[in-house]
Amino acid sequence: MLIFHSLLIKDYSTPHDFVNYKYTIPLVLIVFLTGVLNFVNIFLFSRRILQIRLCVVSSVLQVIILLTMLYYYFMIQNSIEHTLHIFRVAAIFPIIGIIFNFLAYRAIHGDELLVKSYDRIR
């Protein structure tokens, strides 16, 4: 049985022991970069255009995370004959993050349009 963790892929072929099959360091680095980027993005509320750009960059990074996870999955699936492949629950977090980034993008863009309309009135 292969279990995909964030840092490595473990092979639980033996009942009481596991083998570290493959380290996934690039995946961890991209996840860390995305987390820091989203954390910094929260405090840039006075610079809406930069916030919009960072939302788009964060969404692209999360798509890269999904593609990297799929790459590791298919690489492992083709190299070892196992009957059971398991992703942890955290594997759906990039999809949820993309949805939240889209919602943030829409709200920030709406705020920017509102500020521009008030500037026209003055």
PDB file of N, CA and C in Angstrom:
ATOM      1  N   MET A   1       0.846  -1.170   0.000  1.00  0.00           N
ATOM      2  CA  MET A   1       0.000   0.000   0.000  1.00  0.00           C
ATOM      3  C   MET A   1       0.895   1.237   0.000  1.00  0.00           C
ATOM      4  N   LEU A   2       0.631   2.159  -0.893  1.00  0.00           N
ATOM      5  CA  LEU A   2       1.364   3.413  -0.982  1.00  0.00           C
ATOM      6  C   LEU A   2       0.515   4.525  -0.390  1.00  0.00           C
ATOM      7  N   ILE A   3       1.116   5.324   0.469  1.00  0.00           N
ATOM      8  CA  ILE A   3       0.424   6.477   1.035  1.00  0.00           C
ATOM      9  C   ILE A   3       1.207   7.722   0.665  1.00  0.00           C
ATOM     10  N   PHE A   4       0.521   8.697   0.061  1.00  0.00           N
ATOM     11  CA  PHE A   4       1.145   9.929  -0.383  1.00  0.00           C
ATOM     12  C   PHE A   4       1.058  10.957   0.734  1.00  0.00           C
ATOM     13  N   HIS A   5       2.191  11.289   1.335  1.00  0.00           N
ATOM     14  CA  HIS A   5       2.289  12.368   2.317  1.00  0.00           C
ATOM     15  C   HIS A   5       2.821  13.600   1.593  1.00  0.00           C
ATOM     16  N   SER A   6       2.886  14.717   2.293  1.00  0.00           N
ATOM     17  CA  SER A   6       3.366  15.927   1.630  1.00  0.00           C
ATOM     18  C   SER A   6       4.870  15.883   1.376  1.00  0.00           C
ATOM     19  N   LEU A   7       5.641  15.269   2.251  1.00  0.00           N
ATOM     20  CA  LEU A   7       7.096  15.256   2.103  1.00  0.00           C
ATOM     21  C   LEU A   7       7.610  14.023   1.388  1.00  0.00           C
ATOM     22  N   LEU A   8       6.893  12.921   1.499  1.00  0.00           N
ATOM     23  CA  LEU A   8       7.370  11.695   0.870  1.00  0.00           C
ATOM     24  C   LEU A   8       6.230  10.735   0.612  1.00  0.00           C
ATOM     25  N   ILE A   9       6.553   9.722  -0.157  1.00  0.00           N
ATOM     26  CA  ILE A   9       5.595   8.659  -0.450  1.00  0.00           C
ATOM     27  C   ILE A   9       6.097   7.416   0.271  1.00  0.00           C
ATOM     28  N   LYS A  10       5.247   6.859   1.113  1.00  0.00           N
ATOM     29  CA  LYS A  10       5.643   5.707   1.920  1.00  0.00           C
ATOM     30  C   LYS A  10       5.031   4.433   1.354  1.00  0.00           C
ATOM     31  N   ASP A  11       5.821   3.365   1.394  1.00  0.00           N
ATOM     32  CA  ASP A  11       5.381   2.055   0.936  1.00  0.00           C
ATOM     33  C   ASP A  11       5.196   1.169   2.160  1.00  0.00           C
ATOM     34  N   TYR A  12       3.950   0.802   2.446  1.00  0.00           N
ATOM     35  CA  TYR A  12       3.620  -0.049   3.588  1.00  0.00           C
ATOM     36  C   TYR A  12       3.380  -1.482   3.120  1.00  0.00           C
ATOM     37  N   SER A  13       4.359  -2.060   2.443  1.00  0.00           N
ATOM     38  CA  SER A  13       4.202  -3.428   1.950  1.00  0.00           C
ATOM     39  C   SER A  13       4.250  -4.445   3.076  1.00  0.00           C
ATOM     40  N   THR A  14       5.140  -4.206   4.038  1.00  0.00           N
ATOM     41  CA  THR A  14       5.223  -5.113   5.179  1.00  0.00           C
ATOM     42  C   THR A  14       4.262  -4.639   6.246  1.00  0.00           C
ATOM     43  N   PRO A  15       3.731  -5.532   7.061  1.00  0.00           N
ATOM     44  CA  PRO A  15       2.687  -5.150   8.016  1.00  0.00           C
ATOM     45  C   PRO A  15       3.140  -4.175   9.103  1.00  0.00           C
ATOM     46  N   HIS A  16       4.384  -4.268   9.586  1.00  0.00           N
ATOM     47  CA  HIS A  16       4.805  -3.450  10.731  1.00  0.00           C
ATOM     48  C   HIS A  16       5.868  -2.431  10.383  1.00  0.00           C
ATOM     49  N   ASP A  17       6.258  -2.352   9.146  1.00  0.00           N
ATOM     50  CA  ASP A  17       7.333  -1.453   8.763  1.00  0.00           C
ATOM     51  C   ASP A  17       6.967  -0.762   7.460  1.00  0.00           C
ATOM     52  N   PHE A  18       7.575   0.376   7.212  1.00  0.00           N
ATOM     53  CA  PHE A  18       7.344   1.085   5.961  1.00  0.00           C
ATOM     54  C   PHE A  18       8.689   1.474   5.360  1.00  0.00           C
ATOM     55  N   VAL A  19       8.659   1.736   4.083  1.00  0.00           N
ATOM     56  CA  VAL A  19       9.842   2.155   3.358  1.00  0.00           C
ATOM     57  C   VAL A  19       9.534   3.505   2.726  1.00  0.00           C
ATOM     58  N   ASN A  20      10.453   4.451   2.899  1.00  0.00           N
ATOM     59  CA  ASN A  20      10.300   5.732   2.219  1.00  0.00           C
ATOM     60  C   ASN A  20      10.604   5.510   0.746  1.00  0.00           C
ATOM     61  N   TYR A  21       9.570   5.585  -0.068  1.00  0.00           N
ATOM     62  CA  TYR A  21       9.730   5.238  -1.472  1.00  0.00           C
ATOM     63  C   TYR A  21      10.282   6.403  -2.286  1.00  0.00           C
ATOM     64  N   LYS A  22       9.695   7.581  -2.147  1.00  0.00           N
ATOM     65  CA  LYS A  22      10.093   8.720  -2.964  1.00  0.00           C
ATOM     66  C   LYS A  22       9.868  10.005  -2.177  1.00  0.00           C
ATOM     67  N   TYR A  23      10.906  10.868  -2.124  1.00  0.00           N
ATOM     68  CA  TYR A  23      10.756  12.172  -1.494  1.00  0.00           C
ATOM     69  C   TYR A  23      10.164  13.163  -2.490  1.00  0.00           C
ATOM     70  N   THR A  24       9.305  14.030  -1.999  1.00  0.00           N
ATOM     71  CA  THR A  24       8.613  15.000  -2.851  1.00  0.00           C
ATOM     72  C   THR A  24       8.947  16.419  -2.401  1.00  0.00           C
ATOM     73  N   ILE A  25      10.221  16.753  -2.395  1.00  0.00           N
ATOM     74  CA  ILE A  25      10.684  18.057  -1.938  1.00  0.00           C
ATOM     75  C   ILE A  25      10.145  19.210  -2.797  1.00  0.00           C
ATOM     76  N   PRO A  26      10.120  19.110  -4.146  1.00  0.00           N
ATOM     77  CA  PRO A  26       9.573  20.230  -4.926  1.00  0.00           C
ATOM     78  C   PRO A  26       8.122  20.545  -4.563  1.00  0.00           C
ATOM     79  N   LEU A  27       7.354  19.527  -4.261  1.00  0.00           N
ATOM     80  CA  LEU A  27       5.967  19.734  -3.871  1.00  0.00           C
ATOM     81  C   LEU A  27       5.880  20.512  -2.562  1.00  0.00           C
ATOM     82  N   VAL A  28       6.719  20.177  -1.614  1.00  0.00           N
ATOM     83  CA  VAL A  28       6.726  20.861  -0.321  1.00  0.00           C
ATOM     84  C   VAL A  28       7.130  22.323  -0.490  1.00  0.00           C
ATOM     85  N   LEU A  29       8.118  22.580  -1.346  1.00  0.00           N
ATOM     86  CA  LEU A  29       8.565  23.956  -1.558  1.00  0.00           C
ATOM     87  C   LEU A  29       7.479  24.809  -2.209  1.00  0.00           C
ATOM     88  N   ILE A  30       6.760  24.254  -3.171  1.00  0.00           N
ATOM     89  CA  ILE A  30       5.690  25.004  -3.823  1.00  0.00           C
ATOM     90  C   ILE A  30       4.538  25.252  -2.850  1.00  0.00           C
ATOM     91  N   VAL A  31       4.217  24.272  -2.019  1.00  0.00           N
ATOM     92  CA  VAL A  31       3.157  24.443  -1.019  1.00  0.00           C
ATOM     93  C   VAL A  31       3.552  25.534  -0.015  1.00  0.00           C
ATOM     94  N   PHE A  32       4.812  25.528   0.419  1.00  0.00           N
ATOM     95  CA  PHE A  32       5.280  26.545   1.362  1.00  0.00           C
ATOM     96  C   PHE A  32       5.228  27.928   0.721  1.00  0.00           C
ATOM     97  N   LEU A  33       5.676  28.040  -0.520  1.00  0.00           N
ATOM     98  CA  LEU A  33       5.648  29.319  -1.221  1.00  0.00           C
ATOM     99  C   LEU A  33       4.220  29.836  -1.385  1.00  0.00           C
ATOM    100  N   THR A  34       3.296  28.959  -1.696  1.00  0.00           N
ATOM    101  CA  THR A  34       1.896  29.350  -1.848  1.00  0.00           C
ATOM    102  C   THR A  34       1.309  29.826  -0.517  1.00  0.00           C
ATOM    103  N   GLY A  35       1.638  29.129   0.549  1.00  0.00           N
ATOM    104  CA  GLY A  35       1.144  29.534   1.868  1.00  0.00           C
ATOM    105  C   GLY A  35       1.664  30.894   2.286  1.00  0.00           C
ATOM    106  N   VAL A  36       2.956  31.144   2.079  1.00  0.00           N
ATOM    107  CA  VAL A  36       3.536  32.443   2.422  1.00  0.00           C
ATOM    108  C   VAL A  36       2.925  33.537   1.552  1.00  0.00           C
ATOM    109  N   LEU A  37       2.752  33.249   0.271  1.00  0.00           N
ATOM    110  CA  LEU A  37       2.163  34.228  -0.643  1.00  0.00           C
ATOM    111  C   LEU A  37       0.745  34.598  -0.227  1.00  0.00           C
ATOM    112  N   ASN A  38      -0.058  33.615   0.139  1.00  0.00           N
ATOM    113  CA  ASN A  38      -1.429  33.898   0.579  1.00  0.00           C
ATOM    114  C   ASN A  38      -1.448  34.642   1.909  1.00  0.00           C
ATOM    115  N   PHE A  39      -0.524  34.321   2.804  1.00  0.00           N
ATOM    116  CA  PHE A  39      -0.462  35.026   4.092  1.00  0.00           C
ATOM    117  C   PHE A  39      -0.097  36.493   3.887  1.00  0.00           C
ATOM    118  N   VAL A  40       0.871  36.766   3.021  1.00  0.00           N
ATOM    119  CA  VAL A  40       1.268  38.146   2.737  1.00  0.00           C
ATOM    120  C   VAL A  40       0.126  38.880   2.044  1.00  0.00           C
ATOM    121  N   ASN A  41      -0.599  38.178   1.194  1.00  0.00           N
ATOM    122  CA  ASN A  41      -1.696  38.781   0.430  1.00  0.00           C
ATOM    123  C   ASN A  41      -2.805  39.315   1.343  1.00  0.00           C
ATOM    124  N   ILE A  42      -2.981  38.718   2.499  1.00  0.00           N
ATOM    125  CA  ILE A  42      -4.013  39.169   3.435  1.00  0.00           C
ATOM    126  C   ILE A  42      -3.745  40.595   3.899  1.00  0.00           C
ATOM    127  N   PHE A  43      -2.481  40.935   4.113  1.00  0.00           N
ATOM    128  CA  PHE A  43      -2.134  42.234   4.680  1.00  0.00           C
ATOM    129  C   PHE A  43      -1.925  43.320   3.636  1.00  0.00           C
ATOM    130  N   LEU A  44      -2.180  43.038   2.382  1.00  0.00           N
ATOM    131  CA  LEU A  44      -2.045  44.034   1.328  1.00  0.00           C
ATOM    132  C   LEU A  44      -3.393  44.617   0.934  1.00  0.00           C
ATOM    133  N   PHE A  45      -4.285  44.810   1.898  1.00  0.00           N
ATOM    134  CA  PHE A  45      -5.639  45.249   1.586  1.00  0.00           C
ATOM    135  C   PHE A  45      -5.691  46.658   1.040  1.00  0.00           C
ATOM    136  N   SER A  46      -4.663  47.470   1.244  1.00  0.00           N
ATOM    137  CA  SER A  46      -4.687  48.827   0.707  1.00  0.00           C
ATOM    138  C   SER A  46      -4.165  48.887  -0.724  1.00  0.00           C
ATOM    139  N   ARG A  47      -3.581  47.804  -1.208  1.00  0.00           N
ATOM    140  CA  ARG A  47      -3.056  47.745  -2.580  1.00  0.00           C
ATOM    141  C   ARG A  47      -3.813  46.651  -3.336  1.00  0.00           C
ATOM    142  N   ARG A  48      -4.994  47.000  -3.796  1.00  0.00           N
ATOM    143  CA  ARG A  48      -5.904  46.010  -4.377  1.00  0.00           C
ATOM    144  C   ARG A  48      -5.400  45.409  -5.684  1.00  0.00           C
ATOM    145  N   ILE A  49      -4.748  46.206  -6.519  1.00  0.00           N
ATOM    146  CA  ILE A  49      -4.248  45.677  -7.795  1.00  0.00           C
ATOM    147  C   ILE A  49      -3.183  44.614  -7.540  1.00  0.00           C
ATOM    148  N   LEU A  50      -2.304  44.872  -6.581  1.00  0.00           N
ATOM    149  CA  LEU A  50      -1.286  43.881  -6.220  1.00  0.00           C
ATOM    150  C   LEU A  50      -1.941  42.634  -5.633  1.00  0.00           C
ATOM    151  N   GLN A  51      -2.981  42.826  -4.842  1.00  0.00           N
ATOM    152  CA  GLN A  51      -3.717  41.690  -4.291  1.00  0.00           C
ATOM    153  C   GLN A  51      -4.323  40.829  -5.398  1.00  0.00           C
ATOM    154  N   ILE A  52      -4.880  41.453  -6.411  1.00  0.00           N
ATOM    155  CA  ILE A  52      -5.470  40.711  -7.524  1.00  0.00           C
ATOM    156  C   ILE A  52      -4.399  39.898  -8.237  1.00  0.00           C
ATOM    157  N   ARG A  53      -3.249  40.519  -8.480  1.00  0.00           N
ATOM    158  CA  ARG A  53      -2.163  39.802  -9.163  1.00  0.00           C
ATOM    159  C   ARG A  53      -1.658  38.637  -8.322  1.00  0.00           C
ATOM    160  N   LEU A  54      -1.545  38.846  -7.016  1.00  0.00           N
ATOM    161  CA  LEU A  54      -1.073  37.765  -6.147  1.00  0.00           C
ATOM    162  C   LEU A  54      -2.098  36.629  -6.060  1.00  0.00           C
ATOM    163  N   CYS A  55      -3.380  36.948  -6.159  1.00  0.00           N
ATOM    164  CA  CYS A  55      -4.410  35.898  -6.205  1.00  0.00           C
ATOM    165  C   CYS A  55      -4.239  35.038  -7.449  1.00  0.00           C
ATOM    166  N   VAL A  56      -3.952  35.674  -8.567  1.00  0.00           N
ATOM    167  CA  VAL A  56      -3.757  34.926  -9.811  1.00  0.00           C
ATOM    168  C   VAL A  56      -2.493  34.075  -9.719  1.00  0.00           C
ATOM    169  N   VAL A  57      -1.409  34.635  -9.192  1.00  0.00           N
ATOM    170  CA  VAL A  57      -0.163  33.874  -9.036  1.00  0.00           C
ATOM    171  C   VAL A  57      -0.373  32.693  -8.094  1.00  0.00           C
ATOM    172  N   SER A  58      -1.097  32.914  -7.013  1.00  0.00           N
ATOM    173  CA  SER A  58      -1.374  31.840  -6.065  1.00  0.00           C
ATOM    174  C   SER A  58      -2.208  30.733  -6.703  1.00  0.00           C
ATOM    175  N   SER A  59      -3.179  31.115  -7.516  1.00  0.00           N
ATOM    176  CA  SER A  59      -3.987  30.105  -8.206  1.00  0.00           C
ATOM    177  C   SER A  59      -3.148  29.286  -9.181  1.00  0.00           C
ATOM    178  N   VAL A  60      -2.244  29.948  -9.890  1.00  0.00           N
ATOM    179  CA  VAL A  60      -1.358  29.233 -10.815  1.00  0.00           C
ATOM    180  C   VAL A  60      -0.456  28.276 -10.041  1.00  0.00           C
ATOM    181  N   LEU A  61       0.082  28.724  -8.902  1.00  0.00           N
ATOM    182  CA  LEU A  61       0.914  27.842  -8.080  1.00  0.00           C
ATOM    183  C   LEU A  61       0.120  26.646  -7.568  1.00  0.00           C
ATOM    184  N   GLN A  62      -1.135  26.844  -7.232  1.00  0.00           N
ATOM    185  CA  GLN A  62      -1.939  25.724  -6.760  1.00  0.00           C
ATOM    186  C   GLN A  62      -2.277  24.747  -7.878  1.00  0.00           C
ATOM    187  N   VAL A  63      -2.418  25.248  -9.089  1.00  0.00           N
ATOM    188  CA  VAL A  63      -2.582  24.340 -10.230  1.00  0.00           C
ATOM    189  C   VAL A  63      -1.293  23.548 -10.440  1.00  0.00           C
ATOM    190  N   ILE A  64      -0.141  24.203 -10.262  1.00  0.00           N
ATOM    191  CA  ILE A  64       1.145  23.506 -10.360  1.00  0.00           C
ATOM    192  C   ILE A  64       1.262  22.449  -9.275  1.00  0.00           C
ATOM    193  N   ILE A  65       0.755  22.735  -8.084  1.00  0.00           N
ATOM    194  CA  ILE A  65       0.753  21.740  -7.005  1.00  0.00           C
ATOM    195  C   ILE A  65      -0.064  20.515  -7.421  1.00  0.00           C
ATOM    196  N   LEU A  66      -1.244  20.753  -7.974  1.00  0.00           N
ATOM    197  CA  LEU A  66      -2.076  19.632  -8.425  1.00  0.00           C
ATOM    198  C   LEU A  66      -1.385  18.817  -9.515  1.00  0.00           C
ATOM    199  N   LEU A  67      -0.761  19.504 -10.465  1.00  0.00           N
ATOM    200  CA  LEU A  67      -0.070  18.798 -11.541  1.00  0.00           C
ATOM    201  C   LEU A  67       1.133  18.019 -11.007  1.00  0.00           C
ATOM    202  N   THR A  68       1.835  18.576 -10.030  1.00  0.00           N
ATOM    203  CA  THR A  68       2.966  17.871  -9.428  1.00  0.00           C
ATOM    204  C   THR A  68       2.488  16.640  -8.671  1.00  0.00           C
ATOM    205  N   MET A  69       1.379  16.764  -7.966  1.00  0.00           N
ATOM    206  CA  MET A  69       0.832  15.601  -7.265  1.00  0.00           C
ATOM    207  C   MET A  69       0.437  14.511  -8.253  1.00  0.00           C
ATOM    208  N   LEU A  70      -0.188  14.905  -9.352  1.00  0.00           N
ATOM    209  CA  LEU A  70      -0.562  13.926 -10.373  1.00  0.00           C
ATOM    210  C   LEU A  70       0.667  13.300 -11.027  1.00  0.00           C
ATOM    211  N   TYR A  71       1.720  14.095 -11.215  1.00  0.00           N
ATOM    212  CA  TYR A  71       2.960  13.557 -11.773  1.00  0.00           C
ATOM    213  C   TYR A  71       3.534  12.466 -10.875  1.00  0.00           C
ATOM    214  N   TYR A  72       3.628  12.762  -9.577  1.00  0.00           N
ATOM    215  CA  TYR A  72       4.149  11.757  -8.646  1.00  0.00           C
ATOM    216  C   TYR A  72       3.235  10.531  -8.597  1.00  0.00           C
ATOM    217  N   TYR A  73       1.947  10.772  -8.643  1.00  0.00           N
ATOM    218  CA  TYR A  73       1.012   9.646  -8.596  1.00  0.00           C
ATOM    219  C   TYR A  73       1.195   8.718  -9.791  1.00  0.00           C
ATOM    220  N   PHE A  74       1.226   9.274 -10.991  1.00  0.00           N
ATOM    221  CA  PHE A  74       1.360   8.431 -12.176  1.00  0.00           C
ATOM    222  C   PHE A  74       2.753   7.818 -12.290  1.00  0.00           C
ATOM    223  N   MET A  75       3.772   8.530 -11.776  1.00  0.00           N
ATOM    224  CA  MET A  75       5.112   7.973 -11.784  1.00  0.00           C
ATOM    225  C   MET A  75       5.182   6.738 -10.886  1.00  0.00           C
ATOM    226  N   ILE A  76       4.589   6.832  -9.712  1.00  0.00           N
ATOM    227  CA  ILE A  76       4.590   5.712  -8.780  1.00  0.00           C
ATOM    228  C   ILE A  76       3.679   4.591  -9.287  1.00  0.00           C
ATOM    229  N   GLN A  77       2.542   4.955  -9.822  1.00  0.00           N
ATOM    230  CA  GLN A  77       1.581   3.954 -10.290  1.00  0.00           C
ATOM    231  C   GLN A  77       2.174   3.105 -11.419  1.00  0.00           C
ATOM    232  N   ASN A  78       2.960   3.706 -12.285  1.00  0.00           N
ATOM    233  CA  ASN A  78       3.549   2.965 -13.387  1.00  0.00           C
ATOM    234  C   ASN A  78       4.773   2.154 -12.973  1.00  0.00           C
ATOM    235  N   SER A  79       5.449   2.552 -11.909  1.00  0.00           N
ATOM    236  CA  SER A  79       6.697   1.876 -11.549  1.00  0.00           C
ATOM    237  C   SER A  79       6.492   0.696 -10.605  1.00  0.00           C
ATOM    238  N   ILE A  80       5.461   0.724  -9.788  1.00  0.00           N
ATOM    239  CA  ILE A  80       5.241  -0.353  -8.815  1.00  0.00           C
ATOM    240  C   ILE A  80       3.843  -0.911  -9.015  1.00  0.00           C
ATOM    241  N   GLU A  81       3.736  -2.197  -8.903  1.00  0.00           N
ATOM    242  CA  GLU A  81       2.439  -2.870  -9.040  1.00  0.00           C
ATOM    243  C   GLU A  81       1.814  -3.006  -7.649  1.00  0.00           C
ATOM    244  N   HIS A  82       0.890  -2.137  -7.335  1.00  0.00           N
ATOM    245  CA  HIS A  82       0.167  -2.175  -6.065  1.00  0.00           C
ATOM    246  C   HIS A  82      -1.331  -2.160  -6.357  1.00  0.00           C
ATOM    247  N   THR A  83      -2.068  -2.680  -5.434  1.00  0.00           N
ATOM    248  CA  THR A  83      -3.508  -2.698  -5.626  1.00  0.00           C
ATOM    249  C   THR A  83      -4.192  -1.506  -4.976  1.00  0.00           C
ATOM    250  N   LEU A  84      -3.523  -0.859  -4.025  1.00  0.00           N
ATOM    251  CA  LEU A  84      -4.167   0.199  -3.263  1.00  0.00           C
ATOM    252  C   LEU A  84      -3.302   1.453  -3.269  1.00  0.00           C
ATOM    253  N   HIS A  85      -3.838   2.546  -3.774  1.00  0.00           N
ATOM    254  CA  HIS A  85      -3.182   3.844  -3.769  1.00  0.00           C
ATOM    255  C   HIS A  85      -4.060   4.790  -2.958  1.00  0.00           C
ATOM    256  N   ILE A  86      -3.467   5.465  -1.981  1.00  0.00           N
ATOM    257  CA  ILE A  86      -4.250   6.309  -1.081  1.00  0.00           C
ATOM    258  C   ILE A  86      -3.685   7.723  -1.077  1.00  0.00           C
ATOM    259  N   PHE A  87      -4.547   8.705  -1.278  1.00  0.00           N
ATOM    260  CA  PHE A  87      -4.209  10.099  -1.049  1.00  0.00           C
ATOM    261  C   PHE A  87      -4.776  10.485   0.313  1.00  0.00           C
ATOM    262  N   ARG A  88      -4.080  11.326   1.020  1.00  0.00           N
ATOM    263  CA  ARG A  88      -4.600  11.854   2.275  1.00  0.00           C
ATOM    264  C   ARG A  88      -5.687  12.885   1.978  1.00  0.00           C
ATOM    265  N   VAL A  89      -6.443  13.251   2.987  1.00  0.00           N
ATOM    266  CA  VAL A  89      -7.521  14.233   2.823  1.00  0.00           C
ATOM    267  C   VAL A  89      -6.958  15.578   2.367  1.00  0.00           C
ATOM    268  N   ALA A  90      -5.735  15.875   2.756  1.00  0.00           N
ATOM    269  CA  ALA A  90      -5.122  17.152   2.394  1.00  0.00           C
ATOM    270  C   ALA A  90      -4.900  17.293   0.892  1.00  0.00           C
ATOM    271  N   ALA A  91      -5.072  16.244   0.138  1.00  0.00           N
ATOM    272  CA  ALA A  91      -4.872  16.316  -1.313  1.00  0.00           C
ATOM    273  C   ALA A  91      -5.933  17.177  -1.990  1.00  0.00           C
ATOM    274  N   ILE A  92      -7.067  17.393  -1.351  1.00  0.00           N
ATOM    275  CA  ILE A  92      -8.102  18.239  -1.957  1.00  0.00           C
ATOM    276  C   ILE A  92      -7.930  19.714  -1.589  1.00  0.00           C
ATOM    277  N   PHE A  93      -7.006  20.036  -0.704  1.00  0.00           N
ATOM    278  CA  PHE A  93      -6.821  21.428  -0.286  1.00  0.00           C
ATOM    279  C   PHE A  93      -6.412  22.359  -1.426  1.00  0.00           C
ATOM    280  N   PRO A  94      -5.563  21.945  -2.383  1.00  0.00           N
ATOM    281  CA  PRO A  94      -5.292  22.863  -3.493  1.00  0.00           C
ATOM    282  C   PRO A  94      -6.540  23.211  -4.303  1.00  0.00           C
ATOM    283  N   ILE A  95      -7.441  22.279  -4.459  1.00  0.00           N
ATOM    284  CA  ILE A  95      -8.684  22.567  -5.187  1.00  0.00           C
ATOM    285  C   ILE A  95      -9.524  23.577  -4.409  1.00  0.00           C
ATOM    286  N   ILE A  96      -9.616  23.391  -3.108  1.00  0.00           N
ATOM    287  CA  ILE A  96     -10.348  24.339  -2.261  1.00  0.00           C
ATOM    288  C   ILE A  96      -9.669  25.701  -2.290  1.00  0.00           C
ATOM    289  N   GLY A  97      -8.323  25.704  -2.291  1.00  0.00           N
ATOM    290  CA  GLY A  97      -7.582  26.957  -2.359  1.00  0.00           C
ATOM    291  C   GLY A  97      -7.822  27.703  -3.656  1.00  0.00           C
ATOM    292  N   ILE A  98      -7.917  26.992  -4.760  1.00  0.00           N
ATOM    293  CA  ILE A  98      -8.194  27.628  -6.051  1.00  0.00           C
ATOM    294  C   ILE A  98      -9.583  28.266  -6.029  1.00  0.00           C
ATOM    295  N   ILE A  99     -10.537  27.580  -5.449  1.00  0.00           N
ATOM    296  CA  ILE A  99     -11.896  28.134  -5.345  1.00  0.00           C
ATOM    297  C   ILE A  99     -11.898  29.388  -4.482  1.00  0.00           C
ATOM    298  N   PHE A 100     -11.207  29.341  -3.335  1.00  0.00           N
ATOM    299  CA  PHE A 100     -11.151  30.523  -2.466  1.00  0.00           C
ATOM    300  C   PHE A 100     -10.392  31.680  -3.115  1.00  0.00           C
ATOM    301  N   ASN A 101      -9.352  31.379  -3.874  1.00  0.00           N
ATOM    302  CA  ASN A 101      -8.638  32.442  -4.588  1.00  0.00           C
ATOM    303  C   ASN A 101      -9.536  33.084  -5.633  1.00  0.00           C
ATOM    304  N   PHE A 102     -10.349  32.278  -6.305  1.00  0.00           N
ATOM    305  CA  PHE A 102     -11.280  32.832  -7.279  1.00  0.00           C
ATOM    306  C   PHE A 102     -12.294  33.747  -6.600  1.00  0.00           C
ATOM    307  N   LEU A 103     -12.813  33.312  -5.455  1.00  0.00           N
ATOM    308  CA  LEU A 103     -13.771  34.152  -4.722  1.00  0.00           C
ATOM    309  C   LEU A 103     -13.117  35.439  -4.228  1.00  0.00           C
ATOM    310  N   ALA A 104     -11.870  35.340  -3.761  1.00  0.00           N
ATOM    311  CA  ALA A 104     -11.150  36.540  -3.322  1.00  0.00           C
ATOM    312  C   ALA A 104     -10.904  37.478  -4.492  1.00  0.00           C
ATOM    313  N   TYR A 105     -10.528  36.909  -5.629  1.00  0.00           N
ATOM    314  CA  TYR A 105     -10.308  37.717  -6.832  1.00  0.00           C
ATOM    315  C   TYR A 105     -11.567  38.493  -7.204  1.00  0.00           C
ATOM    316  N   ARG A 106     -12.706  37.813  -7.193  1.00  0.00           N
ATOM    317  CA  ARG A 106     -13.962  38.487  -7.540  1.00  0.00           C
ATOM    318  C   ARG A 106     -14.287  39.616  -6.564  1.00  0.00           C
ATOM    319  N   ALA A 107     -14.098  39.369  -5.274  1.00  0.00           N
ATOM    320  CA  ALA A 107     -14.417  40.387  -4.269  1.00  0.00           C
ATOM    321  C   ALA A 107     -13.464  41.583  -4.361  1.00  0.00           C
ATOM    322  N   ILE A 108     -12.170  41.324  -4.543  1.00  0.00           N
ATOM    323  CA  ILE A 108     -11.194  42.409  -4.639  1.00  0.00           C
ATOM    324  C   ILE A 108     -11.436  43.209  -5.916  1.00  0.00           C
ATOM    325  N   HIS A 109     -11.740  42.526  -7.000  1.00  0.00           N
ATOM    326  CA  HIS A 109     -12.029  43.211  -8.255  1.00  0.00           C
ATOM    327  C   HIS A 109     -13.290  44.080  -8.118  1.00  0.00           C
ATOM    328  N   GLY A 110     -14.299  43.570  -7.431  1.00  0.00           N
ATOM    329  CA  GLY A 110     -15.504  44.356  -7.178  1.00  0.00           C
ATOM    330  C   GLY A 110     -15.210  45.596  -6.344  1.00  0.00           C
ATOM    331  N   ASP A 111     -14.350  45.453  -5.336  1.00  0.00           N
ATOM    332  CA  ASP A 111     -13.959  46.611  -4.529  1.00  0.00           C
ATOM    333  C   ASP A 111     -13.211  47.639  -5.376  1.00  0.00           C
ATOM    334  N   GLU A 112     -12.345  47.164  -6.241  1.00  0.00           N
ATOM    335  CA  GLU A 112     -11.586  48.081  -7.089  1.00  0.00           C
ATOM    336  C   GLU A 112     -12.508  48.833  -8.039  1.00  0.00           C
ATOM    337  N   LEU A 113     -13.491  48.151  -8.599  1.00  0.00           N
ATOM    338  CA  LEU A 113     -14.455  48.828  -9.467  1.00  0.00           C
ATOM    339  C   LEU A 113     -15.284  49.851  -8.698  1.00  0.00           C
ATOM    340  N   LEU A 114     -15.636  49.531  -7.463  1.00  0.00           N
ATOM    341  CA  LEU A 114     -16.394  50.459  -6.631  1.00  0.00           C
ATOM    342  C   LEU A 114     -15.579  51.713  -6.318  1.00  0.00           C
ATOM    343  N   VAL A 115     -14.316  51.553  -5.991  1.00  0.00           N
ATOM    344  CA  VAL A 115     -13.451  52.702  -5.698  1.00  0.00           C
ATOM    345  C   VAL A 115     -13.275  53.560  -6.941  1.00  0.00           C
ATOM    346  N   LYS A 116     -13.113  52.921  -8.099  1.00  0.00           N
ATOM    347  CA  LYS A 116     -12.970  53.689  -9.342  1.00  0.00           C
ATOM    348  C   LYS A 116     -14.248  54.457  -9.665  1.00  0.00           C
ATOM    349  N   SER A 117     -15.417  53.880  -9.367  1.00  0.00           N
ATOM    350  CA  SER A 117     -16.669  54.590  -9.647  1.00  0.00           C
ATOM    351  C   SER A 117     -16.826  55.791  -8.715  1.00  0.00           C
ATOM    352  N   TYR A 118     -16.382  55.676  -7.482  1.00  0.00           N
ATOM    353  CA  TYR A 118     -16.435  56.832  -6.566  1.00  0.00           C
ATOM    354  C   TYR A 118     -15.454  57.900  -6.990  1.00  0.00           C
ATOM    355  N   ASP A 119     -14.320  57.523  -7.568  1.00  0.00           N
ATOM    356  CA  ASP A 119     -13.372  58.503  -8.040  1.00  0.00           C
ATOM    357  C   ASP A 119     -13.934  59.274  -9.229  1.00  0.00           C
ATOM    358  N   ARG A 120     -14.732  58.628 -10.060  1.00  0.00           N
ATOM    359  CA  ARG A 120     -15.342  59.320 -11.196  1.00  0.00           C
ATOM    360  C   ARG A 120     -16.383  60.334 -10.733  1.00  0.00           C
ATOM    361  N   ILE A 121     -17.083  60.035  -9.654  1.00  0.00           N
ATOM    362  CA  ILE A 121     -18.138  60.913  -9.160  1.00  0.00           C
ATOM    363  C   ILE A 121     -17.540  62.209  -8.619  1.00  0.00           C
ATOM    364  N   ARG A 122     -16.369  62.101  -7.970  1.00  0.00           N
ATOM    365  CA  ARG A 122     -15.740  63.300  -7.416  1.00  0.00           C
ATOM    366  C   ARG A 122     -15.272  64.127  -8.550  1.00  0.00           C
TER     367      ARG A 122
END
